[in-house]
Amino acid sequence: MSLLNQLFNRGVFGAKCKTCLTLAISRIKLLQNKREMQLKQMRKEIAQFLQAGQEAIARIRVEHVIREQNISTAYAVLELFCEFVLARVPILENQKDCPTELREAIASIIFAAPRCSDLPDLLQVTNLFSSKYGKEYVAAVAELRPDTSVNRTIIEKLSVSAPSPEARLNVLKEIAQEYNVVWDSSQSEAALSKKHEDLLGGSTEIYGGASTPEASVKQSSPRSSSSNGARPILPSESRLGSQHLQVPSPPSIMPVLRSNEIEQSAKSSNAVPVSDTKRETTSQSSDVLERARAAIASAERASAAARAAAQLVNAEFGSLKLEGKSS
């Protein structure tokens, strides 16, 4: 019975594999013809952009052209591999392990199947190989583990990385030569070779040449000048300049507020110097202290009078109790 099952499964695997590979080959040929027409149209449009002087648009469009050309090259290699495996299906049926001469073709098909969404037949072929050689083998090929024998061209052409500036410039030159476009490539060479600044850490040009925010604050702040009529730098401001513009801690808030009050009063008077304002503030503080001391003294006198009254009430109440007992 087991021998019959093996023969039956072997026949099913061979029939399904032939059908899927045949459909994949036909679909690849149709897609290649369609892609070839699209590439001609795209290259013609890029030549028109170069002719009109719109090089920025041409540099962007050429990336899509390179991507389509890479896919077309990969599909041509896959078509050959599918035809090769299709011709060796009887060998696959008779051998349990993957034949050595078919490893590269089978591994390339398995690797390309999930990366070619318009070729669903390759996914079915991959499922057949998974049922025959195991899921671990398919996973090893998909992850490009050592000794998986995936074709190098398939790996490079199906890569999702952006094309290099050199490749983009070469394709632009090919298109200009193909359509006889007189084009000076110096501007595109300079634009493609330019390294863009990484703005994640901040740009050094925002501060107008200053290397640090503190330097820019010192350059733009009028307080740093020593011209006549300029008010002196307060301690709170010097602290802010030396500590990278950090917010002061709670204990240093009151001196800053006091300094601001002195500054505002000095500006409003225009004739009273800062030293006189400080003396006025000191005299006002002493007056407040004197009034507070007087209020405390009066409160102490009131509490002493209250204690005396309480003692008197207690004495009268005790005398009344003694008179009641004697009677």
Protein backbone atom coordinates (compact mmCIF):
# COMPACT_ATOMS: atom_id res chain seq x y z
CA MET A 1 0.00 0.00 0.00
CA SER A 2 2.82 2.42 0.88
CA LEU A 3 4.45 1.74 -2.49
CA LEU A 4 1.20 2.63 -4.25
CA ASN A 5 0.92 5.87 -2.22
CA GLN A 6 4.46 6.83 -3.12
CA LEU A 7 3.80 6.17 -6.79
CA PHE A 8 0.55 8.12 -6.63
CA ASN A 9 2.15 11.08 -4.83
CA ARG A 10 5.07 10.99 -7.23
CA GLY A 11 2.69 11.20 -10.18
CA VAL A 12 0.74 14.05 -8.56
CA PHE A 13 3.92 16.02 -7.82
CA GLY A 14 5.18 15.63 -11.39
CA ALA A 15 1.87 16.64 -12.97
CA LYS A 16 1.39 19.69 -10.71
CA CYS A 17 4.99 20.79 -11.13
CA LYS A 18 4.78 20.60 -14.94
CA THR A 19 1.51 22.54 -14.99
CA CYS A 20 2.75 25.34 -12.70
CA LEU A 21 6.08 25.69 -14.49
CA THR A 22 4.38 25.82 -17.90
CA LEU A 23 2.00 28.55 -16.69
CA ALA A 24 4.89 30.47 -15.13
CA ILE A 25 6.87 30.40 -18.39
CA SER A 26 3.88 31.65 -20.41
CA ARG A 27 3.16 34.42 -17.88
CA ILE A 28 6.81 35.54 -17.87
CA LYS A 29 6.81 35.87 -21.66
CA LEU A 30 3.63 38.00 -21.60
CA LEU A 31 4.98 40.25 -18.85
CA GLN A 32 8.30 40.64 -20.62
CA ASN A 33 6.60 41.86 -23.81
CA LYS A 34 4.49 44.32 -21.83
CA ARG A 35 7.46 45.55 -19.82
CA GLU A 36 9.55 46.04 -22.96
CA MET A 37 6.93 48.39 -24.41
CA GLN A 38 6.68 50.32 -21.15
CA LEU A 39 10.46 50.69 -20.95
CA LYS A 40 10.62 52.15 -24.45
CA GLN A 41 7.97 54.71 -23.57
CA MET A 42 9.67 55.62 -20.29
CA ARG A 43 13.09 56.04 -21.91
CA LYS A 44 11.52 58.25 -24.58
CA GLU A 45 9.93 60.48 -21.94
CA ILE A 46 13.25 60.84 -20.12
CA ALA A 47 14.90 61.88 -23.39
CA GLN A 48 12.23 64.54 -23.79
CA PHE A 49 12.87 65.82 -20.26
CA LEU A 50 16.59 66.04 -20.99
CA GLN A 51 15.87 67.88 -24.24
CA ALA A 52 13.66 70.38 -22.39
CA GLY A 53 16.26 70.96 -19.67
CA GLN A 54 14.20 69.31 -16.92
CA GLU A 55 17.05 67.24 -15.54
CA ALA A 56 15.61 67.02 -12.01
CA ILE A 57 12.56 65.12 -13.28
CA ALA A 58 14.74 62.93 -15.48
CA ARG A 59 16.96 61.98 -12.52
CA ILE A 60 13.87 60.85 -10.61
CA ARG A 61 12.25 58.97 -13.50
CA VAL A 62 15.45 57.11 -14.33
CA GLU A 63 15.24 55.20 -11.02
CA HIS A 64 12.00 53.59 -12.17
CA VAL A 65 13.60 52.73 -15.50
CA ILE A 66 16.50 51.02 -13.75
CA ARG A 67 14.09 49.11 -11.53
CA GLU A 68 12.09 47.85 -14.51
CA GLN A 69 15.24 46.85 -16.36
CA ASN A 70 16.45 44.87 -13.36
CA ILE A 71 13.13 43.03 -13.08
CA SER A 72 13.21 42.28 -16.81
CA THR A 73 16.70 40.78 -16.47
CA ALA A 74 15.64 38.70 -13.46
CA TYR A 75 12.56 37.42 -15.30
CA ALA A 76 14.70 36.35 -18.25
CA VAL A 77 16.91 34.28 -15.94
CA LEU A 78 13.85 32.83 -14.17
CA GLU A 79 12.36 31.80 -17.50
CA LEU A 80 15.49 29.79 -18.29
CA PHE A 81 15.47 28.16 -14.86
CA CYS A 82 11.79 27.22 -15.19
CA GLU A 83 12.39 25.62 -18.57
CA PHE A 84 15.39 23.75 -17.17
CA VAL A 85 13.44 22.39 -14.19
CA LEU A 86 10.48 21.53 -16.42
CA ALA A 87 12.71 19.36 -18.57
CA ARG A 88 14.08 17.60 -15.43
CA VAL A 89 10.76 16.90 -13.68
CA PRO A 90 11.11 13.08 -14.18
CA ILE A 91 14.47 13.24 -12.38
CA LEU A 92 12.85 15.15 -9.49
CA GLU A 93 10.17 12.49 -9.21
CA ASN A 94 12.64 9.60 -8.98
CA GLN A 95 15.05 11.17 -6.48
CA LYS A 96 14.24 11.98 -2.87
CA ASP A 97 16.86 14.71 -2.46
CA CYS A 98 17.39 17.70 -4.70
CA PRO A 99 19.75 16.83 -7.57
CA THR A 100 23.03 18.73 -7.60
CA GLU A 101 22.59 20.07 -11.14
CA LEU A 102 19.15 21.47 -10.25
CA ARG A 103 20.02 23.16 -6.94
CA GLU A 104 20.71 26.59 -8.40
CA ALA A 105 17.56 26.62 -10.53
CA ILE A 106 15.26 25.38 -7.74
CA ALA A 107 16.80 27.70 -5.11
CA SER A 108 16.48 30.71 -7.44
CA ILE A 109 12.81 29.94 -8.12
CA ILE A 110 12.10 29.59 -4.38
CA PHE A 111 13.93 32.87 -3.61
CA ALA A 112 12.17 34.83 -6.38
CA ALA A 113 8.64 33.52 -5.76
CA PRO A 114 7.66 35.89 -2.86
CA ARG A 115 9.42 38.82 -4.58
CA CYS A 116 7.52 38.50 -7.86
CA SER A 117 3.91 39.28 -7.03
CA ASP A 118 2.83 39.10 -10.68
CA LEU A 119 4.02 35.46 -10.92
CA PRO A 120 1.70 33.51 -8.58
CA ASP A 121 2.58 30.25 -10.31
CA LEU A 122 6.05 30.36 -8.75
CA LEU A 123 4.48 30.32 -5.29
CA GLN A 124 2.67 27.10 -6.14
CA VAL A 125 5.93 25.60 -7.39
CA THR A 126 7.57 26.65 -4.12
CA ASN A 127 4.82 24.90 -2.16
CA LEU A 128 5.47 21.71 -4.13
CA PHE A 129 9.20 21.93 -3.37
CA SER A 130 8.39 22.57 0.29
CA SER A 131 6.28 19.41 0.50
CA LYS A 132 9.01 17.38 -1.19
CA TYR A 133 12.21 18.77 0.41
CA GLY A 134 10.85 20.18 3.66
CA LYS A 135 10.00 23.64 4.99
CA GLU A 136 13.46 24.02 6.49
CA TYR A 137 15.06 23.91 3.05
CA VAL A 138 12.67 26.56 1.70
CA ALA A 139 13.31 28.77 4.75
CA ALA A 140 17.08 28.44 4.31
CA VAL A 141 16.82 29.52 0.67
CA ALA A 142 14.55 32.48 1.51
CA GLU A 143 17.04 33.67 4.16
CA LEU A 144 20.05 33.15 1.86
CA ARG A 145 21.84 30.86 4.23
CA PRO A 146 25.19 29.40 3.14
CA ASP A 147 25.21 26.64 0.51
CA THR A 148 21.73 27.50 -0.80
CA SER A 149 23.06 28.13 -4.35
CA VAL A 150 20.77 31.07 -5.23
CA ASN A 151 21.81 32.72 -8.47
CA ARG A 152 23.72 35.95 -7.89
CA THR A 153 21.97 37.81 -10.69
CA ILE A 154 18.56 36.99 -9.22
CA ILE A 155 19.65 38.36 -5.82
CA GLU A 156 21.02 41.60 -7.26
CA LYS A 157 18.25 42.35 -9.74
CA LEU A 158 15.42 41.68 -7.26
CA SER A 159 17.01 43.81 -4.56
CA VAL A 160 14.91 46.70 -3.23
CA SER A 161 17.87 49.02 -2.63
CA ALA A 162 18.01 52.31 -4.54
CA PRO A 163 20.30 52.44 -7.58
CA SER A 164 23.68 54.10 -7.14
CA PRO A 165 24.34 57.59 -8.54
CA GLU A 166 26.79 56.10 -11.03
CA ALA A 167 24.15 53.71 -12.39
CA ARG A 168 21.60 56.51 -12.74
CA LEU A 169 24.07 58.73 -14.55
CA ASN A 170 25.11 55.94 -16.92
CA VAL A 171 21.49 55.20 -17.86
CA LEU A 172 20.84 58.90 -18.48
CA LYS A 173 23.84 59.05 -20.81
CA GLU A 174 22.66 55.92 -22.63
CA ILE A 175 19.20 57.41 -23.17
CA ALA A 176 20.65 60.73 -24.38
CA GLN A 177 22.90 58.89 -26.84
CA GLU A 178 20.08 56.61 -27.98
CA TYR A 179 17.77 59.52 -28.85
CA ASN A 180 20.58 61.85 -30.08
CA VAL A 181 19.97 64.42 -27.35
CA VAL A 182 22.67 67.08 -26.93
CA TRP A 183 22.97 67.10 -23.17
CA ASP A 184 25.59 68.44 -20.81
CA SER A 185 25.80 66.01 -17.90
CA SER A 186 27.89 68.25 -15.62
CA GLN A 187 24.87 69.55 -13.69
CA SER A 188 23.49 66.06 -13.08
CA GLU A 189 26.93 64.79 -12.11
CA ALA A 190 27.23 67.53 -9.50
CA ALA A 191 23.70 66.90 -8.19
CA LEU A 192 24.16 63.12 -7.97
CA SER A 193 27.59 63.33 -6.35
CA LYS A 194 26.44 65.83 -3.73
CA LYS A 195 26.16 64.38 -0.24
CA HIS A 196 23.04 65.53 1.54
CA GLU A 197 23.41 66.82 5.08
CA ASP A 198 22.00 64.70 7.86
CA LEU A 199 19.54 67.00 9.63
CA LEU A 200 18.57 64.57 12.39
CA GLY A 201 21.20 66.04 14.74
CA GLY A 202 20.54 69.64 13.72
CA SER A 203 22.24 71.86 11.17
CA THR A 204 25.19 74.09 11.98
CA GLU A 205 24.02 76.72 9.52
CA ILE A 206 20.89 77.75 11.42
CA TYR A 207 22.82 79.96 13.80
CA GLY A 208 24.50 81.98 11.08
CA GLY A 209 27.96 80.47 11.42
CA ALA A 210 27.90 79.93 15.16
CA SER A 211 28.99 76.48 16.19
CA THR A 212 26.81 76.30 19.30
CA PRO A 213 23.51 77.85 20.44
CA GLU A 214 25.37 79.65 23.25
CA ALA A 215 27.69 81.35 20.78
CA SER A 216 24.77 82.51 18.65
CA VAL A 217 23.02 83.91 21.72
CA LYS A 218 26.18 85.79 22.71
CA GLN A 219 26.57 87.17 19.17
CA SER A 220 22.98 88.35 18.84
CA SER A 221 22.44 89.54 22.42
CA PRO A 222 22.84 93.32 22.99
CA ARG A 223 23.72 92.70 26.65
CA SER A 224 27.16 91.35 25.69
CA SER A 225 28.29 94.79 24.43
CA SER A 226 29.98 97.21 26.75
CA SER A 227 28.62 100.41 25.16
CA ASN A 228 27.60 103.40 27.27
CA GLY A 229 24.07 103.40 28.56
CA ALA A 230 23.72 99.62 28.47
CA ARG A 231 22.43 98.10 31.70
CA PRO A 232 24.72 95.67 33.56
CA ILE A 233 24.35 91.94 33.08
CA LEU A 234 22.40 90.44 35.96
CA PRO A 235 23.66 87.33 37.80
CA SER A 236 20.70 85.32 36.55
CA GLU A 237 21.54 86.16 32.92
CA SER A 238 25.18 85.14 33.27
CA ARG A 239 24.05 81.88 34.83
CA LEU A 240 21.74 81.21 31.88
CA GLY A 241 24.54 81.86 29.37
CA SER A 242 27.01 79.52 31.06
CA GLN A 243 24.62 76.61 31.60
CA HIS A 244 23.38 76.14 28.00
CA LEU A 245 20.14 78.08 28.49
CA GLN A 246 18.80 75.62 31.09
CA VAL A 247 15.75 76.46 33.17
CA PRO A 248 16.87 77.60 36.65
CA SER A 249 16.06 75.47 39.66
CA PRO A 250 13.25 76.58 42.03
CA PRO A 251 15.58 78.21 44.65
CA SER A 252 17.00 80.57 42.00
CA ILE A 253 13.61 81.79 40.75
CA MET A 254 13.12 84.42 43.51
CA PRO A 255 16.44 86.22 42.82
CA VAL A 256 15.59 86.34 39.14
CA LEU A 257 12.16 87.81 39.88
CA ARG A 258 13.69 90.30 42.32
CA SER A 259 16.23 91.33 39.66
CA ASN A 260 13.43 91.79 37.11
CA GLU A 261 11.50 93.98 39.54
CA ILE A 262 14.59 96.12 40.14
CA GLU A 263 15.14 96.36 36.39
CA GLN A 264 11.54 97.42 35.72
CA SER A 265 11.60 100.04 38.48
CA ALA A 266 14.92 101.37 37.17
CA LYS A 267 13.52 101.66 33.65
CA SER A 268 10.35 103.40 34.81
CA SER A 269 12.19 106.05 36.84
CA ASN A 270 14.99 106.66 34.26
CA ALA A 271 16.78 108.83 36.84
CA VAL A 272 17.05 106.63 39.90
CA PRO A 273 20.07 104.33 39.85
CA VAL A 274 19.90 100.68 40.75
CA SER A 275 21.65 101.26 44.11
CA ASP A 276 18.93 103.70 45.26
CA THR A 277 16.26 101.23 44.25
CA LYS A 278 17.97 98.57 46.33
CA ARG A 279 18.03 100.94 49.33
CA GLU A 280 14.32 101.63 48.92
CA THR A 281 13.63 97.94 48.75
CA THR A 282 15.70 97.36 51.92
CA SER A 283 13.85 100.15 53.82
CA GLN A 284 10.51 98.73 52.73
CA SER A 285 11.55 95.30 53.99
CA SER A 286 12.61 96.75 57.37
CA ASP A 287 9.23 98.54 57.72
CA VAL A 288 7.44 95.28 57.05
CA LEU A 289 9.55 93.53 59.69
CA GLU A 290 8.80 96.23 62.27
CA ARG A 291 5.07 95.93 61.63
CA ALA A 292 5.31 92.17 61.92
CA ARG A 293 7.13 92.42 65.24
CA ALA A 294 4.46 94.82 66.59
CA ALA A 295 1.71 92.45 65.53
CA ILE A 296 3.46 89.55 67.28
CA ALA A 297 3.85 91.58 70.50
CA SER A 298 0.18 92.56 70.52
CA ALA A 299 -0.79 88.94 69.94
CA GLU A 300 1.33 87.87 72.90
CA ARG A 301 -0.31 90.50 75.13
CA ALA A 302 -3.76 89.35 74.07
CA SER A 303 -2.91 85.72 74.84
CA ALA A 304 -1.62 86.73 78.32
CA ALA A 305 -4.84 88.60 79.03
CA ALA A 306 -6.87 85.61 77.94
CA ARG A 307 -4.92 83.31 80.26
CA ALA A 308 -5.49 85.73 83.20
CA ALA A 309 -9.21 85.85 82.51
CA ALA A 310 -9.37 82.07 82.43
CA GLN A 311 -7.60 81.83 85.78
CA LEU A 312 -10.01 84.35 87.30
CA VAL A 313 -13.01 82.38 86.05
CA ASN A 314 -11.61 79.16 87.46
CA ALA A 315 -11.03 80.83 90.86
CA GLU A 316 -14.58 82.23 91.03
CA PHE A 317 -16.03 78.85 90.02
CA GLY A 318 -14.05 77.12 92.77
CA SER A 319 -15.21 79.57 95.41
CA LEU A 320 -18.83 79.04 94.45
CA LYS A 321 -18.40 75.27 94.89
CA LEU A 322 -16.92 75.74 98.39
CA GLU A 323 -19.80 78.00 99.49
CA GLY A 324 -22.35 75.46 98.28
CA LYS A 325 -20.75 72.62 100.27
CA SER A 326 -20.55 74.67 103.48
CA SER A 327 -24.21 75.59 103.31
